Amino acid sequence: MNKKEFAEALALKADLTVAQANKALDAFVDVVTEALQAGDSVQLVGFMTLKVSERAERPGRNPATGESIIIPAKKVVKFKAGKKLETAIE
């Protein structure tokens, strides 16, 4: 499901126009992004938790040449499914 399909489904479920659903979806993405940038986690109980985690520098290998390289440290977003979501897809 892409963003357009998601917005259309959201519009049907929430009795909104597609334009309103797109605006709500964009606002949701902005709020989540800003919260994660600020170092906060986002938790929708029963659905999901998103949080920023630090990935340490580690050794790796260039698959094309076989040369050893150092993969730099970086921040990554971790997703954890909530209980209701997990049971819904079983």
PDB file of N, CA and C in Angstrom:
ATOM      1  N   MET A   1       0.859  -1.171   0.000  1.00  0.00           N
ATOM      2  CA  MET A   1       0.000   0.000   0.000  1.00  0.00           C
ATOM      3  C   MET A   1       0.904   1.231   0.000  1.00  0.00           C
ATOM      4  N   ASN A   2       0.708   2.102  -0.970  1.00  0.00           N
ATOM      5  CA  ASN A   2       1.496   3.325  -1.018  1.00  0.00           C
ATOM      6  C   ASN A   2       0.729   4.473  -0.339  1.00  0.00           C
ATOM      7  N   LYS A   3       1.340   5.658  -0.330  1.00  0.00           N
ATOM      8  CA  LYS A   3       0.748   6.790   0.383  1.00  0.00           C
ATOM      9  C   LYS A   3      -0.617   7.165  -0.186  1.00  0.00           C
ATOM     10  N   LYS A   4      -0.747   7.156  -1.500  1.00  0.00           N
ATOM     11  CA  LYS A   4      -2.019   7.516  -2.128  1.00  0.00           C
ATOM     12  C   LYS A   4      -3.117   6.535  -1.727  1.00  0.00           C
ATOM     13  N   GLU A   5      -2.818   5.245  -1.802  1.00  0.00           N
ATOM     14  CA  GLU A   5      -3.794   4.221  -1.422  1.00  0.00           C
ATOM     15  C   GLU A   5      -4.138   4.320   0.059  1.00  0.00           C
ATOM     16  N   PHE A   6      -3.141   4.610   0.884  1.00  0.00           N
ATOM     17  CA  PHE A   6      -3.364   4.750   2.315  1.00  0.00           C
ATOM     18  C   PHE A   6      -4.289   5.930   2.593  1.00  0.00           C
ATOM     19  N   ALA A   7      -4.037   7.064   1.947  1.00  0.00           N
ATOM     20  CA  ALA A   7      -4.868   8.260   2.141  1.00  0.00           C
ATOM     21  C   ALA A   7      -6.303   7.995   1.694  1.00  0.00           C
ATOM     22  N   GLU A   8      -6.476   7.269   0.601  1.00  0.00           N
ATOM     23  CA  GLU A   8      -7.826   6.947   0.127  1.00  0.00           C
ATOM     24  C   GLU A   8      -8.554   6.043   1.131  1.00  0.00           C
ATOM     25  N   ALA A   9      -7.868   5.046   1.668  1.00  0.00           N
ATOM     26  CA  ALA A   9      -8.469   4.154   2.658  1.00  0.00           C
ATOM     27  C   ALA A   9      -8.788   4.912   3.939  1.00  0.00           C
ATOM     28  N   LEU A  10      -7.888   5.799   4.348  1.00  0.00           N
ATOM     29  CA  LEU A  10      -8.118   6.628   5.535  1.00  0.00           C
ATOM     30  C   LEU A  10      -9.327   7.524   5.333  1.00  0.00           C
ATOM     31  N   ALA A  11      -9.463   8.091   4.158  1.00  0.00           N
ATOM     32  CA  ALA A  11     -10.606   8.950   3.855  1.00  0.00           C
ATOM     33  C   ALA A  11     -11.913   8.174   3.978  1.00  0.00           C
ATOM     34  N   LEU A  12     -11.945   6.946   3.477  1.00  0.00           N
ATOM     35  CA  LEU A  12     -13.155   6.126   3.578  1.00  0.00           C
ATOM     36  C   LEU A  12     -13.486   5.783   5.026  1.00  0.00           C
ATOM     37  N   LYS A  13     -12.469   5.361   5.783  1.00  0.00           N
ATOM     38  CA  LYS A  13     -12.691   4.950   7.177  1.00  0.00           C
ATOM     39  C   LYS A  13     -13.107   6.104   8.078  1.00  0.00           C
ATOM     40  N   ALA A  14     -12.536   7.296   7.842  1.00  0.00           N
ATOM     41  CA  ALA A  14     -12.771   8.429   8.734  1.00  0.00           C
ATOM     42  C   ALA A  14     -13.797   9.417   8.194  1.00  0.00           C
ATOM     43  N   ASP A  15     -14.436   9.073   7.075  1.00  0.00           N
ATOM     44  CA  ASP A  15     -15.423   9.947   6.447  1.00  0.00           C
ATOM     45  C   ASP A  15     -14.844  11.330   6.173  1.00  0.00           C
ATOM     46  N   LEU A  16     -13.689  11.330   5.505  1.00  0.00           N
ATOM     47  CA  LEU A  16     -12.993  12.556   5.120  1.00  0.00           C
ATOM     48  C   LEU A  16     -12.866  12.596   3.607  1.00  0.00           C
ATOM     49  N   THR A  17     -12.528  13.774   3.097  1.00  0.00           N
ATOM     50  CA  THR A  17     -12.168  13.838   1.686  1.00  0.00           C
ATOM     51  C   THR A  17     -10.740  13.317   1.565  1.00  0.00           C
ATOM     52  N   VAL A  18     -10.342  12.941   0.365  1.00  0.00           N
ATOM     53  CA  VAL A  18      -8.978  12.468   0.155  1.00  0.00           C
ATOM     54  C   VAL A  18      -7.987  13.583   0.481  1.00  0.00           C
ATOM     55  N   ALA A  19      -8.324  14.825   0.163  1.00  0.00           N
ATOM     56  CA  ALA A  19      -7.447  15.958   0.473  1.00  0.00           C
ATOM     57  C   ALA A  19      -7.270  16.112   1.983  1.00  0.00           C
ATOM     58  N   GLN A  20      -8.360  15.971   2.737  1.00  0.00           N
ATOM     59  CA  GLN A  20      -8.267  16.059   4.200  1.00  0.00           C
ATOM     60  C   GLN A  20      -7.442  14.902   4.762  1.00  0.00           C
ATOM     61  N   ALA A  21      -7.629  13.727   4.203  1.00  0.00           N
ATOM     62  CA  ALA A  21      -6.867  12.559   4.663  1.00  0.00           C
ATOM     63  C   ALA A  21      -5.383  12.745   4.372  1.00  0.00           C
ATOM     64  N   ASN A  22      -5.054  13.281   3.195  1.00  0.00           N
ATOM     65  CA  ASN A  22      -3.648  13.562   2.869  1.00  0.00           C
ATOM     66  C   ASN A  22      -3.059  14.570   3.831  1.00  0.00           C
ATOM     67  N   LYS A  23      -3.830  15.598   4.150  1.00  0.00           N
ATOM     68  CA  LYS A  23      -3.353  16.621   5.087  1.00  0.00           C
ATOM     69  C   LYS A  23      -3.120  16.012   6.475  1.00  0.00           C
ATOM     70  N   ALA A  24      -4.031  15.163   6.926  1.00  0.00           N
ATOM     71  CA  ALA A  24      -3.881  14.496   8.222  1.00  0.00           C
ATOM     72  C   ALA A  24      -2.680  13.560   8.224  1.00  0.00           C
ATOM     73  N   LEU A  25      -2.498  12.841   7.142  1.00  0.00           N
ATOM     74  CA  LEU A  25      -1.360  11.922   7.030  1.00  0.00           C
ATOM     75  C   LEU A  25      -0.040  12.685   7.038  1.00  0.00           C
ATOM     76  N   ASP A  26       0.026  13.788   6.294  1.00  0.00           N
ATOM     77  CA  ASP A  26       1.233  14.622   6.285  1.00  0.00           C
ATOM     78  C   ASP A  26       1.523  15.178   7.675  1.00  0.00           C
ATOM     79  N   ALA A  27       0.467  15.605   8.385  1.00  0.00           N
ATOM     80  CA  ALA A  27       0.640  16.132   9.738  1.00  0.00           C
ATOM     81  C   ALA A  27       1.147  15.041  10.679  1.00  0.00           C
ATOM     82  N   PHE A  28       0.612  13.826  10.554  1.00  0.00           N
ATOM     83  CA  PHE A  28       1.056  12.703  11.374  1.00  0.00           C
ATOM     84  C   PHE A  28       2.535  12.424  11.158  1.00  0.00           C
ATOM     85  N   VAL A  29       2.945  12.380   9.897  1.00  0.00           N
ATOM     86  CA  VAL A  29       4.352  12.124   9.569  1.00  0.00           C
ATOM     87  C   VAL A  29       5.236  13.230  10.142  1.00  0.00           C
ATOM     88  N   ASP A  30       4.804  14.483  10.018  1.00  0.00           N
ATOM     89  CA  ASP A  30       5.583  15.606  10.549  1.00  0.00           C
ATOM     90  C   ASP A  30       5.730  15.521  12.061  1.00  0.00           C
ATOM     91  N   VAL A  31       4.636  15.222  12.760  1.00  0.00           N
ATOM     92  CA  VAL A  31       4.667  15.140  14.224  1.00  0.00           C
ATOM     93  C   VAL A  31       5.580  14.005  14.680  1.00  0.00           C
ATOM     94  N   VAL A  32       5.485  12.849  14.046  1.00  0.00           N
ATOM     95  CA  VAL A  32       6.332  11.710  14.411  1.00  0.00           C
ATOM     96  C   VAL A  32       7.798  12.049  14.149  1.00  0.00           C
ATOM     97  N   THR A  33       8.085  12.639  12.994  1.00  0.00           N
ATOM     98  CA  THR A  33       9.461  12.999  12.642  1.00  0.00           C
ATOM     99  C   THR A  33      10.036  13.995  13.643  1.00  0.00           C
ATOM    100  N   GLU A  34       9.273  15.018  13.981  1.00  0.00           N
ATOM    101  CA  GLU A  34       9.748  16.021  14.938  1.00  0.00           C
ATOM    102  C   GLU A  34       9.997  15.410  16.310  1.00  0.00           C
ATOM    103  N   ALA A  35       9.123  14.511  16.747  1.00  0.00           N
ATOM    104  CA  ALA A  35       9.301  13.862  18.049  1.00  0.00           C
ATOM    105  C   ALA A  35      10.569  13.016  18.064  1.00  0.00           C
ATOM    106  N   LEU A  36      10.806  12.254  16.994  1.00  0.00           N
ATOM    107  CA  LEU A  36      12.004  11.412  16.942  1.00  0.00           C
ATOM    108  C   LEU A  36      13.268  12.262  16.842  1.00  0.00           C
ATOM    109  N   GLN A  37      13.212  13.370  16.101  1.00  0.00           N
ATOM    110  CA  GLN A  37      14.362  14.271  16.010  1.00  0.00           C
ATOM    111  C   GLN A  37      14.692  14.866  17.377  1.00  0.00           C
ATOM    112  N   ALA A  38      13.676  15.082  18.198  1.00  0.00           N
ATOM    113  CA  ALA A  38      13.876  15.645  19.533  1.00  0.00           C
ATOM    114  C   ALA A  38      14.342  14.596  20.539  1.00  0.00           C
ATOM    115  N   GLY A  39      14.432  13.344  20.101  1.00  0.00           N
ATOM    116  CA  GLY A  39      14.899  12.282  20.992  1.00  0.00           C
ATOM    117  C   GLY A  39      13.787  11.595  21.754  1.00  0.00           C
ATOM    118  N   ASP A  40      12.535  11.942  21.469  1.00  0.00           N
ATOM    119  CA  ASP A  40      11.402  11.305  22.135  1.00  0.00           C
ATOM    120  C   ASP A  40      11.042  10.010  21.413  1.00  0.00           C
ATOM    121  N   SER A  41      10.301   9.153  22.095  1.00  0.00           N
ATOM    122  CA  SER A  41       9.747   7.982  21.428  1.00  0.00           C
ATOM    123  C   SER A  41       8.275   8.265  21.144  1.00  0.00           C
ATOM    124  N   VAL A  42       7.717   7.539  20.205  1.00  0.00           N
ATOM    125  CA  VAL A  42       6.305   7.676  19.859  1.00  0.00           C
ATOM    126  C   VAL A  42       5.651   6.340  20.143  1.00  0.00           C
ATOM    127  N   GLN A  43       4.662   6.352  21.031  1.00  0.00           N
ATOM    128  CA  GLN A  43       4.001   5.113  21.415  1.00  0.00           C
ATOM    129  C   GLN A  43       2.505   5.256  21.212  1.00  0.00           C
ATOM    130  N   LEU A  44       1.960   4.399  20.359  1.00  0.00           N
ATOM    131  CA  LEU A  44       0.522   4.290  20.176  1.00  0.00           C
ATOM    132  C   LEU A  44       0.157   2.936  20.765  1.00  0.00           C
ATOM    133  N   VAL A  45      -0.363   2.958  21.995  1.00  0.00           N
ATOM    134  CA  VAL A  45      -0.574   1.743  22.774  1.00  0.00           C
ATOM    135  C   VAL A  45      -1.403   0.736  21.983  1.00  0.00           C
ATOM    136  N   GLY A  46      -0.899  -0.479  21.922  1.00  0.00           N
ATOM    137  CA  GLY A  46      -1.552  -1.555  21.211  1.00  0.00           C
ATOM    138  C   GLY A  46      -1.182  -1.625  19.746  1.00  0.00           C
ATOM    139  N   PHE A  47      -0.620  -0.528  19.196  1.00  0.00           N
ATOM    140  CA  PHE A  47      -0.306  -0.499  17.776  1.00  0.00           C
ATOM    141  C   PHE A  47       1.193  -0.559  17.519  1.00  0.00           C
ATOM    142  N   MET A  48       1.947   0.430  18.053  1.00  0.00           N
ATOM    143  CA  MET A  48       3.382   0.461  17.763  1.00  0.00           C
ATOM    144  C   MET A  48       4.119   1.398  18.699  1.00  0.00           C
ATOM    145  N   THR A  49       5.421   1.193  18.739  1.00  0.00           N
ATOM    146  CA  THR A  49       6.333   2.109  19.406  1.00  0.00           C
ATOM    147  C   THR A  49       7.492   2.375  18.455  1.00  0.00           C
ATOM    148  N   LEU A  50       7.837   3.645  18.295  1.00  0.00           N
ATOM    149  CA  LEU A  50       8.991   4.055  17.497  1.00  0.00           C
ATOM    150  C   LEU A  50       9.954   4.764  18.428  1.00  0.00           C
ATOM    151  N   LYS A  51      11.241   4.448  18.315  1.00  0.00           N
ATOM    152  CA  LYS A  51      12.231   5.162  19.105  1.00  0.00           C
ATOM    153  C   LYS A  51      13.545   5.213  18.349  1.00  0.00           C
ATOM    154  N   VAL A  52      14.355   6.212  18.681  1.00  0.00           N
ATOM    155  CA  VAL A  52      15.658   6.377  18.057  1.00  0.00           C
ATOM    156  C   VAL A  52      16.670   5.596  18.876  1.00  0.00           C
ATOM    157  N   SER A  53      17.520   4.862  18.186  1.00  0.00           N
ATOM    158  CA  SER A  53      18.552   4.064  18.835  1.00  0.00           C
ATOM    159  C   SER A  53      19.893   4.380  18.181  1.00  0.00           C
ATOM    160  N   GLU A  54      20.946   4.303  18.955  1.00  0.00           N
ATOM    161  CA  GLU A  54      22.302   4.526  18.442  1.00  0.00           C
ATOM    162  C   GLU A  54      22.881   3.208  17.951  1.00  0.00           C
ATOM    163  N   ARG A  55      23.364   3.200  16.731  1.00  0.00           N
ATOM    164  CA  ARG A  55      24.056   2.019  16.199  1.00  0.00           C
ATOM    165  C   ARG A  55      25.552   2.325  16.251  1.00  0.00           C
ATOM    166  N   ALA A  56      26.311   1.514  16.929  1.00  0.00           N
ATOM    167  CA  ALA A  56      27.742   1.745  17.125  1.00  0.00           C
ATOM    168  C   ALA A  56      28.522   1.526  15.821  1.00  0.00           C
ATOM    169  N   GLU A  57      29.689   2.147  15.766  1.00  0.00           N
ATOM    170  CA  GLU A  57      30.605   1.906  14.649  1.00  0.00           C
ATOM    171  C   GLU A  57      30.990   0.427  14.669  1.00  0.00           C
ATOM    172  N   ARG A  58      31.118  -0.158  13.482  1.00  0.00           N
ATOM    173  CA  ARG A  58      31.434  -1.587  13.437  1.00  0.00           C
ATOM    174  C   ARG A  58      32.216  -1.916  12.169  1.00  0.00           C
ATOM    175  N   PRO A  59      32.966  -2.992  12.205  1.00  0.00           N
ATOM    176  CA  PRO A  59      33.699  -3.398  11.005  1.00  0.00           C
ATOM    177  C   PRO A  59      32.747  -4.033   9.990  1.00  0.00           C
ATOM    178  N   GLY A  60      33.073  -3.874   8.736  1.00  0.00           N
ATOM    179  CA  GLY A  60      32.274  -4.465   7.673  1.00  0.00           C
ATOM    180  C   GLY A  60      33.169  -4.838   6.505  1.00  0.00           C
ATOM    181  N   ARG A  61      32.550  -5.260   5.425  1.00  0.00           N
ATOM    182  CA  ARG A  61      33.310  -5.667   4.250  1.00  0.00           C
ATOM    183  C   ARG A  61      32.598  -5.147   3.011  1.00  0.00           C
ATOM    184  N   ASN A  62      33.363  -4.534   2.115  1.00  0.00           N
ATOM    185  CA  ASN A  62      32.825  -4.079   0.839  1.00  0.00           C
ATOM    186  C   ASN A  62      32.531  -5.320  -0.002  1.00  0.00           C
ATOM    187  N   PRO A  63      31.261  -5.572  -0.352  1.00  0.00           N
ATOM    188  CA  PRO A  63      30.940  -6.804  -1.077  1.00  0.00           C
ATOM    189  C   PRO A  63      31.527  -6.852  -2.493  1.00  0.00           C
ATOM    190  N   ALA A  64      31.782  -5.696  -3.075  1.00  0.00           N
ATOM    191  CA  ALA A  64      32.324  -5.684  -4.439  1.00  0.00           C
ATOM    192  C   ALA A  64      33.804  -6.036  -4.472  1.00  0.00           C
ATOM    193  N   THR A  65      34.563  -5.535  -3.476  1.00  0.00           N
ATOM    194  CA  THR A  65      36.019  -5.731  -3.499  1.00  0.00           C
ATOM    195  C   THR A  65      36.528  -6.680  -2.429  1.00  0.00           C
ATOM    196  N   GLY A  66      35.706  -6.922  -1.401  1.00  0.00           N
ATOM    197  CA  GLY A  66      36.150  -7.757  -0.293  1.00  0.00           C
ATOM    198  C   GLY A  66      36.992  -7.000   0.715  1.00  0.00           C
ATOM    199  N   GLU A  67      37.217  -5.708   0.466  1.00  0.00           N
ATOM    200  CA  GLU A  67      38.033  -4.872   1.341  1.00  0.00           C
ATOM    201  C   GLU A  67      37.331  -4.641   2.680  1.00  0.00           C
ATOM    202  N   SER A  68      38.093  -4.688   3.778  1.00  0.00           N
ATOM    203  CA  SER A  68      37.551  -4.391   5.100  1.00  0.00           C
ATOM    204  C   SER A  68      37.338  -2.889   5.225  1.00  0.00           C
ATOM    205  N   ILE A  69      36.193  -2.517   5.789  1.00  0.00           N
ATOM    206  CA  ILE A  69      35.877  -1.099   5.995  1.00  0.00           C
ATOM    207  C   ILE A  69      35.297  -0.927   7.388  1.00  0.00           C
ATOM    208  N   ILE A  70      35.239   0.317   7.828  1.00  0.00           N
ATOM    209  CA  ILE A  70      34.584   0.642   9.091  1.00  0.00           C
ATOM    210  C   ILE A  70      33.257   1.312   8.745  1.00  0.00           C
ATOM    211  N   ILE A  71      32.162   0.727   9.215  1.00  0.00           N
ATOM    212  CA  ILE A  71      30.839   1.307   9.021  1.00  0.00           C
ATOM    213  C   ILE A  71      30.634   2.305  10.157  1.00  0.00           C
ATOM    214  N   PRO A  72      30.399   3.582   9.837  1.00  0.00           N
ATOM    215  CA  PRO A  72      30.312   4.597  10.891  1.00  0.00           C
ATOM    216  C   PRO A  72      29.063   4.433  11.769  1.00  0.00           C
ATOM    217  N   ALA A  73      29.152   4.981  12.978  1.00  0.00           N
ATOM    218  CA  ALA A  73      28.023   4.982  13.892  1.00  0.00           C
ATOM    219  C   ALA A  73      26.926   5.869  13.322  1.00  0.00           C
ATOM    220  N   LYS A  74      25.672   5.537  13.638  1.00  0.00           N
ATOM    221  CA  LYS A  74      24.571   6.387  13.209  1.00  0.00           C
ATOM    222  C   LYS A  74      23.342   6.109  14.061  1.00  0.00           C
ATOM    223  N   LYS A  75      22.378   7.007  13.946  1.00  0.00           N
ATOM    224  CA  LYS A  75      21.105   6.835  14.636  1.00  0.00           C
ATOM    225  C   LYS A  75      20.136   6.143  13.693  1.00  0.00           C
ATOM    226  N   VAL A  76      19.349   5.219  14.247  1.00  0.00           N
ATOM    227  CA  VAL A  76      18.350   4.500  13.467  1.00  0.00           C
ATOM    228  C   VAL A  76      17.020   4.512  14.219  1.00  0.00           C
ATOM    229  N   VAL A  77      15.934   4.380  13.492  1.00  0.00           N
ATOM    230  CA  VAL A  77      14.608   4.307  14.108  1.00  0.00           C
ATOM    231  C   VAL A  77      14.243   2.844  14.277  1.00  0.00           C
ATOM    232  N   LYS A  78      13.846   2.489  15.483  1.00  0.00           N
ATOM    233  CA  LYS A  78      13.429   1.122  15.777  1.00  0.00           C
ATOM    234  C   LYS A  78      11.905   1.094  15.903  1.00  0.00           C
ATOM    235  N   PHE A  79      11.293   0.081  15.285  1.00  0.00           N
ATOM    236  CA  PHE A  79       9.850  -0.117  15.319  1.00  0.00           C
ATOM    237  C   PHE A  79       9.558  -1.364  16.124  1.00  0.00           C
ATOM    238  N   LYS A  80       8.587  -1.262  17.035  1.00  0.00           N
ATOM    239  CA  LYS A  80       8.139  -2.442  17.771  1.00  0.00           C
ATOM    240  C   LYS A  80       6.625  -2.496  17.656  1.00  0.00           C
ATOM    241  N   ALA A  81       6.120  -3.586  17.145  1.00  0.00           N
ATOM    242  CA  ALA A  81       4.678  -3.749  16.996  1.00  0.00           C
ATOM    243  C   ALA A  81       4.021  -3.934  18.357  1.00  0.00           C
ATOM    244  N   GLY A  82       2.849  -3.357  18.511  1.00  0.00           N
ATOM    245  CA  GLY A  82       2.074  -3.516  19.734  1.00  0.00           C
ATOM    246  C   GLY A  82       1.320  -4.834  19.732  1.00  0.00           C
ATOM    247  N   LYS A  83       0.785  -5.195  20.881  1.00  0.00           N
ATOM    248  CA  LYS A  83       0.102  -6.483  21.064  1.00  0.00           C
ATOM    249  C   LYS A  83      -1.096  -6.626  20.127  1.00  0.00           C
ATOM    250  N   LYS A  84      -1.935  -5.583  20.003  1.00  0.00           N
ATOM    251  CA  LYS A  84      -3.124  -5.679  19.151  1.00  0.00           C
ATOM    252  C   LYS A  84      -2.725  -5.879  17.691  1.00  0.00           C
ATOM    253  N   LEU A  85      -1.692  -5.184  17.254  1.00  0.00           N
ATOM    254  CA  LEU A  85      -1.223  -5.331  15.873  1.00  0.00           C
ATOM    255  C   LEU A  85      -0.682  -6.728  15.632  1.00  0.00           C
ATOM    256  N   GLU A  86       0.097  -7.219  16.578  1.00  0.00           N
ATOM    257  CA  GLU A  86       0.665  -8.572  16.430  1.00  0.00           C
ATOM    258  C   GLU A  86      -0.410  -9.628  16.353  1.00  0.00           C
ATOM    259  N   THR A  87      -1.416  -9.533  17.216  1.00  0.00           N
ATOM    260  CA  THR A  87      -2.477 -10.543  17.203  1.00  0.00           C
ATOM    261  C   THR A  87      -3.387 -10.399  15.986  1.00  0.00           C
ATOM    262  N   ALA A  88      -3.515  -9.199  15.449  1.00  0.00           N
ATOM    263  CA  ALA A  88      -4.378  -8.981  14.287  1.00  0.00           C
ATOM    264  C   ALA A  88      -3.814  -9.617  13.021  1.00  0.00           C
ATOM    265  N   ILE A  89      -2.483  -9.763  12.941  1.00  0.00           N
ATOM    266  CA  ILE A  89      -1.890 -10.304  11.720  1.00  0.00           C
ATOM    267  C   ILE A  89      -1.548 -11.780  11.825  1.00  0.00           C
ATOM    268  N   GLU A  90      -1.833 -12.404  12.935  1.00  0.00           N
ATOM    269  CA  GLU A  90      -1.546 -13.832  13.091  1.00  0.00           C
ATOM    270  C   GLU A  90      -2.444 -14.668  12.233  1.00  0.00           C
TER     271      GLU A  90
END
